[in-house]
Amino acid sequence: MPVDVTSTLREALSKLAAETRRIERQAAAIQEALRAANGTGGGRRSSSAGAVTRGAKRSRRQMSVTTRKAISAKMKAYWAKRKKEAKISSKRKAEK
């Protein structure tokens, strides 16, 4: 009795495609659960493709006033130091 390889391969491919879709659905569900756990939900399900789409606007974390002032002071000191080093460097080049 001859074996029809083509139909066997088509059947195997069909089963693999179904398994791939099942795994992709599970992966999407896990990603959605992770987003919900991290508080970064913000997405909504597309009715046609079943994919997660992001909203148009994403919010940013708010920085406290004290943190903003601390960062400002650090950056001012950083740039003052850079400017001072640049002056010293340019003086040395001029002397040579």
C-alpha atoms as a PDB file:
ATOM      1  CA  MET A   1       0.000   0.000   0.000  1.00  0.00           C
ATOM      2  CA  PRO A   2       1.637   3.299  -1.112  1.00  0.00           C
ATOM      3  CA  VAL A   3       1.912   6.152   1.369  1.00  0.00           C
ATOM      4  CA  ASP A   4       0.771   9.603   0.207  1.00  0.00           C
ATOM      5  CA  VAL A   5       3.598  11.797   1.473  1.00  0.00           C
ATOM      6  CA  THR A   6       2.010  15.042   0.293  1.00  0.00           C
ATOM      7  CA  SER A   7      -1.174  14.624   2.300  1.00  0.00           C
ATOM      8  CA  THR A   8       0.802  13.516   5.355  1.00  0.00           C
ATOM      9  CA  LEU A   9       3.012  16.612   5.121  1.00  0.00           C
ATOM     10  CA  ARG A  10      -0.002  18.888   4.618  1.00  0.00           C
ATOM     11  CA  GLU A  11      -1.677  17.394   7.680  1.00  0.00           C
ATOM     12  CA  ALA A  12       1.502  17.860   9.747  1.00  0.00           C
ATOM     13  CA  LEU A  13       1.818  21.455   8.538  1.00  0.00           C
ATOM     14  CA  SER A  14      -1.790  22.156   9.435  1.00  0.00           C
ATOM     15  CA  LYS A  15      -1.281  20.795  12.953  1.00  0.00           C
ATOM     16  CA  LEU A  16       1.898  22.833  13.387  1.00  0.00           C
ATOM     17  CA  ALA A  17       0.133  26.004  12.233  1.00  0.00           C
ATOM     18  CA  ALA A  18      -2.656  25.401  14.745  1.00  0.00           C
ATOM     19  CA  GLU A  19      -0.096  24.812  17.486  1.00  0.00           C
ATOM     20  CA  THR A  20       1.732  28.029  16.500  1.00  0.00           C
ATOM     21  CA  ARG A  21      -1.500  30.037  16.781  1.00  0.00           C
ATOM     22  CA  ARG A  22      -2.213  28.493  20.192  1.00  0.00           C
ATOM     23  CA  ILE A  23       1.289  29.340  21.459  1.00  0.00           C
ATOM     24  CA  GLU A  24       1.058  32.912  20.119  1.00  0.00           C
ATOM     25  CA  ARG A  25      -2.260  33.401  21.931  1.00  0.00           C
ATOM     26  CA  GLN A  26      -0.713  32.122  25.153  1.00  0.00           C
ATOM     27  CA  ALA A  27       2.339  34.382  24.741  1.00  0.00           C
ATOM     28  CA  ALA A  28       0.073  37.396  24.146  1.00  0.00           C
ATOM     29  CA  ALA A  29      -1.929  36.554  27.263  1.00  0.00           C
ATOM     30  CA  ILE A  30       1.264  36.309  29.328  1.00  0.00           C
ATOM     31  CA  GLN A  31       2.532  39.639  27.959  1.00  0.00           C
ATOM     32  CA  GLU A  32      -0.798  41.265  28.803  1.00  0.00           C
ATOM     33  CA  ALA A  33      -0.626  39.850  32.339  1.00  0.00           C
ATOM     34  CA  LEU A  34       2.914  41.207  32.747  1.00  0.00           C
ATOM     35  CA  ARG A  35       1.824  44.646  31.545  1.00  0.00           C
ATOM     36  CA  ALA A  36      -1.085  44.618  33.983  1.00  0.00           C
ATOM     37  CA  ALA A  37       1.201  43.531  36.835  1.00  0.00           C
ATOM     38  CA  ASN A  38       3.688  46.307  36.019  1.00  0.00           C
ATOM     39  CA  GLY A  39       0.949  48.897  35.759  1.00  0.00           C
ATOM     40  CA  THR A  40       1.698  49.658  32.126  1.00  0.00           C
ATOM     41  CA  GLY A  41      -1.565  48.349  30.696  1.00  0.00           C
ATOM     42  CA  GLY A  42      -2.506  51.273  28.480  1.00  0.00           C
ATOM     43  CA  GLY A  43      -3.258  48.972  25.571  1.00  0.00           C
ATOM     44  CA  ARG A  44      -6.529  47.850  24.131  1.00  0.00           C
ATOM     45  CA  ARG A  45      -7.292  44.806  22.061  1.00  0.00           C
ATOM     46  CA  SER A  46      -7.906  45.226  18.391  1.00  0.00           C
ATOM     47  CA  SER A  47     -11.108  43.457  17.464  1.00  0.00           C
ATOM     48  CA  SER A  48      -9.927  42.251  14.076  1.00  0.00           C
ATOM     49  CA  ALA A  49      -6.448  40.851  14.618  1.00  0.00           C
ATOM     50  CA  GLY A  50      -6.513  40.137  18.328  1.00  0.00           C
ATOM     51  CA  ALA A  51      -3.291  42.098  18.706  1.00  0.00           C
ATOM     52  CA  VAL A  52      -2.571  44.590  21.447  1.00  0.00           C
ATOM     53  CA  THR A  53      -2.391  48.186  20.258  1.00  0.00           C
ATOM     54  CA  ARG A  54      -1.125  51.109  22.290  1.00  0.00           C
ATOM     55  CA  GLY A  55      -3.125  54.208  22.972  1.00  0.00           C
ATOM     56  CA  ALA A  56      -2.083  57.400  21.237  1.00  0.00           C
ATOM     57  CA  LYS A  57      -0.885  59.158  24.387  1.00  0.00           C
ATOM     58  CA  ARG A  58       1.406  57.691  27.022  1.00  0.00           C
ATOM     59  CA  SER A  59       1.910  59.389  30.345  1.00  0.00           C
ATOM     60  CA  ARG A  60       5.316  60.024  31.876  1.00  0.00           C
ATOM     61  CA  ARG A  61       6.341  59.695  35.463  1.00  0.00           C
ATOM     62  CA  GLN A  62       6.181  62.934  37.374  1.00  0.00           C
ATOM     63  CA  MET A  63       9.399  64.157  38.943  1.00  0.00           C
ATOM     64  CA  SER A  64       9.161  65.732  42.372  1.00  0.00           C
ATOM     65  CA  VAL A  65      10.265  69.329  42.877  1.00  0.00           C
ATOM     66  CA  THR A  66      13.123  68.313  45.173  1.00  0.00           C
ATOM     67  CA  THR A  67      14.387  65.727  42.690  1.00  0.00           C
ATOM     68  CA  ARG A  68      14.215  68.234  39.852  1.00  0.00           C
ATOM     69  CA  LYS A  69      16.177  70.796  41.904  1.00  0.00           C
ATOM     70  CA  ALA A  70      18.791  68.205  42.869  1.00  0.00           C
ATOM     71  CA  ILE A  71      19.297  67.183  39.252  1.00  0.00           C
ATOM     72  CA  SER A  72      19.488  70.828  38.229  1.00  0.00           C
ATOM     73  CA  ALA A  73      22.204  71.530  40.802  1.00  0.00           C
ATOM     74  CA  LYS A  74      24.204  68.469  39.740  1.00  0.00           C
ATOM     75  CA  MET A  75      24.015  69.414  36.066  1.00  0.00           C
ATOM     76  CA  LYS A  76      25.026  73.015  36.771  1.00  0.00           C
ATOM     77  CA  ALA A  77      28.068  71.751  38.685  1.00  0.00           C
ATOM     78  CA  TYR A  78      28.858  69.299  35.868  1.00  0.00           C
ATOM     79  CA  TRP A  79      28.771  71.981  33.184  1.00  0.00           C
ATOM     80  CA  ALA A  80      30.742  74.456  35.333  1.00  0.00           C
ATOM     81  CA  LYS A  81      33.465  71.828  35.759  1.00  0.00           C
ATOM     82  CA  ARG A  82      33.495  71.117  32.009  1.00  0.00           C
ATOM     83  CA  LYS A  83      33.729  74.806  31.221  1.00  0.00           C
ATOM     84  CA  LYS A  84      36.587  75.259  33.688  1.00  0.00           C
ATOM     85  CA  GLU A  85      38.477  72.282  32.218  1.00  0.00           C
ATOM     86  CA  ALA A  86      37.952  73.637  28.717  1.00  0.00           C
ATOM     87  CA  LYS A  87      39.457  77.010  29.708  1.00  0.00           C
ATOM     88  CA  ILE A  88      42.485  75.319  31.278  1.00  0.00           C
ATOM     89  CA  SER A  89      42.933  73.142  28.221  1.00  0.00           C
ATOM     90  CA  SER A  90      42.708  76.077  25.810  1.00  0.00           C
ATOM     91  CA  LYS A  91      45.258  78.078  27.896  1.00  0.00           C
ATOM     92  CA  ARG A  92      47.722  75.157  27.752  1.00  0.00           C
ATOM     93  CA  LYS A  93      47.307  74.911  23.978  1.00  0.00           C
ATOM     94  CA  ALA A  94      47.889  78.661  23.622  1.00  0.00           C
ATOM     95  CA  GLU A  95      51.098  78.476  25.668  1.00  0.00           C
ATOM     96  CA  LYS A  96      52.640  75.812  23.436  1.00  0.00           C
END
